[in-house]
Amino acid sequence: VCGKQVWAPTYCVVSCGGASLDVIKQYIENQNTPPSERAVKTSRALSQKKD
């Protein structure tokens, strides 16, 4: 603990395994969506990608 700060400044680096930017954006947008609704959105998005 430095002074009155509990956490030191930091950053995060994440690998997404080659996922497209659209897939990553959809993932982020769906984080606040209830699970059942999220599953429907994901299923629809995946079915559109196959066309």
N, C-alpha and C. Protein backbone atom coordinates (compact mmCIF):
# COMPACT_ATOMS: atom_id res chain seq x y z
N VAL A 1 0.86 -1.17 0.00
CA VAL A 1 0.00 0.00 0.00
C VAL A 1 0.90 1.23 0.00
N CYS A 2 0.72 2.07 -1.03
CA CYS A 2 1.48 3.31 -1.14
C CYS A 2 0.59 4.48 -0.77
N GLY A 3 0.93 5.20 0.25
CA GLY A 3 0.10 6.33 0.66
C GLY A 3 -1.30 5.86 0.99
N LYS A 4 -2.29 6.51 0.38
CA LYS A 4 -3.68 6.13 0.63
C LYS A 4 -4.25 5.27 -0.49
N GLN A 5 -3.43 4.92 -1.47
CA GLN A 5 -3.90 4.08 -2.57
C GLN A 5 -3.77 2.61 -2.20
N VAL A 6 -4.79 1.85 -2.56
CA VAL A 6 -4.75 0.42 -2.30
C VAL A 6 -4.16 -0.30 -3.51
N TRP A 7 -4.53 0.13 -4.72
CA TRP A 7 -4.07 -0.52 -5.94
C TRP A 7 -3.10 0.38 -6.69
N ALA A 8 -2.09 -0.22 -7.27
CA ALA A 8 -1.17 0.52 -8.12
C ALA A 8 -1.78 0.66 -9.51
N PRO A 9 -1.45 1.73 -10.24
CA PRO A 9 -1.94 1.85 -11.62
C PRO A 9 -1.48 0.64 -12.43
N THR A 10 -2.34 0.13 -13.27
CA THR A 10 -2.02 -1.07 -14.03
C THR A 10 -2.76 -1.07 -15.36
N TYR A 11 -2.52 -2.06 -16.18
CA TYR A 11 -3.21 -2.21 -17.45
C TYR A 11 -3.44 -3.69 -17.72
N CYS A 12 -4.26 -3.97 -18.71
CA CYS A 12 -4.60 -5.35 -19.04
C CYS A 12 -4.35 -5.59 -20.52
N VAL A 13 -3.74 -6.70 -20.85
CA VAL A 13 -3.53 -7.10 -22.24
C VAL A 13 -4.25 -8.43 -22.43
N VAL A 14 -5.10 -8.51 -23.46
CA VAL A 14 -5.91 -9.69 -23.66
C VAL A 14 -5.78 -10.17 -25.10
N SER A 15 -5.70 -11.47 -25.28
CA SER A 15 -5.70 -12.08 -26.61
C SER A 15 -7.09 -12.63 -26.88
N CYS A 16 -7.57 -12.45 -28.10
CA CYS A 16 -8.93 -12.91 -28.43
C CYS A 16 -8.90 -14.08 -29.41
N GLY A 17 -7.74 -14.67 -29.65
CA GLY A 17 -7.66 -15.86 -30.48
C GLY A 17 -8.10 -15.68 -31.92
N GLY A 18 -7.92 -14.50 -32.48
CA GLY A 18 -8.26 -14.28 -33.88
C GLY A 18 -9.71 -13.93 -34.13
N ALA A 19 -10.49 -13.66 -33.10
CA ALA A 19 -11.89 -13.28 -33.28
C ALA A 19 -11.95 -11.92 -33.98
N SER A 20 -12.98 -11.76 -34.81
CA SER A 20 -13.13 -10.49 -35.52
C SER A 20 -13.54 -9.39 -34.55
N LEU A 21 -13.32 -8.15 -34.96
CA LEU A 21 -13.69 -7.01 -34.14
C LEU A 21 -15.19 -7.00 -33.88
N ASP A 22 -16.00 -7.41 -34.87
CA ASP A 22 -17.45 -7.48 -34.68
C ASP A 22 -17.84 -8.45 -33.58
N VAL A 23 -17.19 -9.60 -33.53
CA VAL A 23 -17.48 -10.60 -32.50
C VAL A 23 -17.10 -10.06 -31.12
N ILE A 24 -15.98 -9.39 -31.03
CA ILE A 24 -15.54 -8.83 -29.75
C ILE A 24 -16.51 -7.74 -29.29
N LYS A 25 -16.92 -6.86 -30.21
CA LYS A 25 -17.89 -5.82 -29.86
C LYS A 25 -19.20 -6.42 -29.37
N GLN A 26 -19.67 -7.47 -30.05
CA GLN A 26 -20.92 -8.13 -29.64
C GLN A 26 -20.77 -8.73 -28.25
N TYR A 27 -19.63 -9.34 -27.99
CA TYR A 27 -19.38 -9.93 -26.67
C TYR A 27 -19.46 -8.86 -25.58
N ILE A 28 -18.81 -7.72 -25.82
CA ILE A 28 -18.81 -6.64 -24.83
C ILE A 28 -20.22 -6.09 -24.63
N GLU A 29 -20.94 -5.87 -25.72
CA GLU A 29 -22.30 -5.33 -25.64
C GLU A 29 -23.24 -6.27 -24.88
N ASN A 30 -23.01 -7.57 -24.97
CA ASN A 30 -23.89 -8.55 -24.35
C ASN A 30 -23.58 -8.83 -22.88
N GLN A 31 -22.57 -8.19 -22.32
CA GLN A 31 -22.20 -8.46 -20.93
C GLN A 31 -23.28 -8.05 -19.95
N ASN A 32 -24.10 -7.07 -20.29
CA ASN A 32 -25.16 -6.63 -19.38
C ASN A 32 -26.52 -7.18 -19.76
N THR A 33 -26.56 -8.15 -20.67
CA THR A 33 -27.80 -8.76 -21.13
C THR A 33 -28.08 -10.01 -20.31
N PRO A 34 -29.33 -10.24 -19.90
CA PRO A 34 -29.65 -11.48 -19.17
C PRO A 34 -29.25 -12.72 -19.99
N PRO A 35 -28.81 -13.80 -19.34
CA PRO A 35 -28.31 -14.98 -20.04
C PRO A 35 -29.24 -15.54 -21.12
N SER A 36 -30.53 -15.66 -20.87
CA SER A 36 -31.42 -16.26 -21.87
C SER A 36 -31.50 -15.39 -23.12
N GLU A 37 -31.58 -14.08 -22.93
CA GLU A 37 -31.62 -13.16 -24.07
C GLU A 37 -30.28 -13.17 -24.80
N ARG A 38 -29.19 -13.29 -24.06
CA ARG A 38 -27.85 -13.34 -24.65
C ARG A 38 -27.72 -14.57 -25.54
N ALA A 39 -28.25 -15.71 -25.10
CA ALA A 39 -28.17 -16.94 -25.89
C ALA A 39 -28.91 -16.79 -27.22
N VAL A 40 -30.05 -16.14 -27.20
CA VAL A 40 -30.82 -15.92 -28.42
C VAL A 40 -30.04 -15.03 -29.38
N LYS A 41 -29.46 -13.94 -28.86
CA LYS A 41 -28.68 -13.03 -29.71
C LYS A 41 -27.47 -13.74 -30.31
N THR A 42 -26.79 -14.53 -29.50
CA THR A 42 -25.61 -15.25 -29.98
C THR A 42 -26.00 -16.26 -31.04
N SER A 43 -27.07 -16.99 -30.82
CA SER A 43 -27.54 -17.97 -31.79
C SER A 43 -27.89 -17.31 -33.12
N ARG A 44 -28.57 -16.19 -33.07
CA ARG A 44 -28.93 -15.46 -34.29
C ARG A 44 -27.68 -14.96 -35.01
N ALA A 45 -26.74 -14.43 -34.27
CA ALA A 45 -25.51 -13.91 -34.87
C ALA A 45 -24.73 -15.03 -35.54
N LEU A 46 -24.65 -16.18 -34.90
CA LEU A 46 -23.92 -17.31 -35.48
C LEU A 46 -24.61 -17.83 -36.73
N SER A 47 -25.92 -17.87 -36.73
CA SER A 47 -26.64 -18.37 -37.91
C SER A 47 -26.46 -17.42 -39.08
N GLN A 48 -26.33 -16.13 -38.83
CA GLN A 48 -26.11 -15.16 -39.90
C GLN A 48 -24.71 -15.28 -40.47
N LYS A 49 -23.74 -15.63 -39.66
CA LYS A 49 -22.35 -15.77 -40.11
C LYS A 49 -22.19 -16.94 -41.08
N LYS A 50 -23.03 -17.97 -40.97
CA LYS A 50 -22.92 -19.17 -41.80
C LYS A 50 -23.40 -18.94 -43.23
N ASP A 51 -24.22 -17.90 -43.45
CA ASP A 51 -24.77 -17.65 -44.78
C ASP A 51 -23.73 -17.19 -45.76
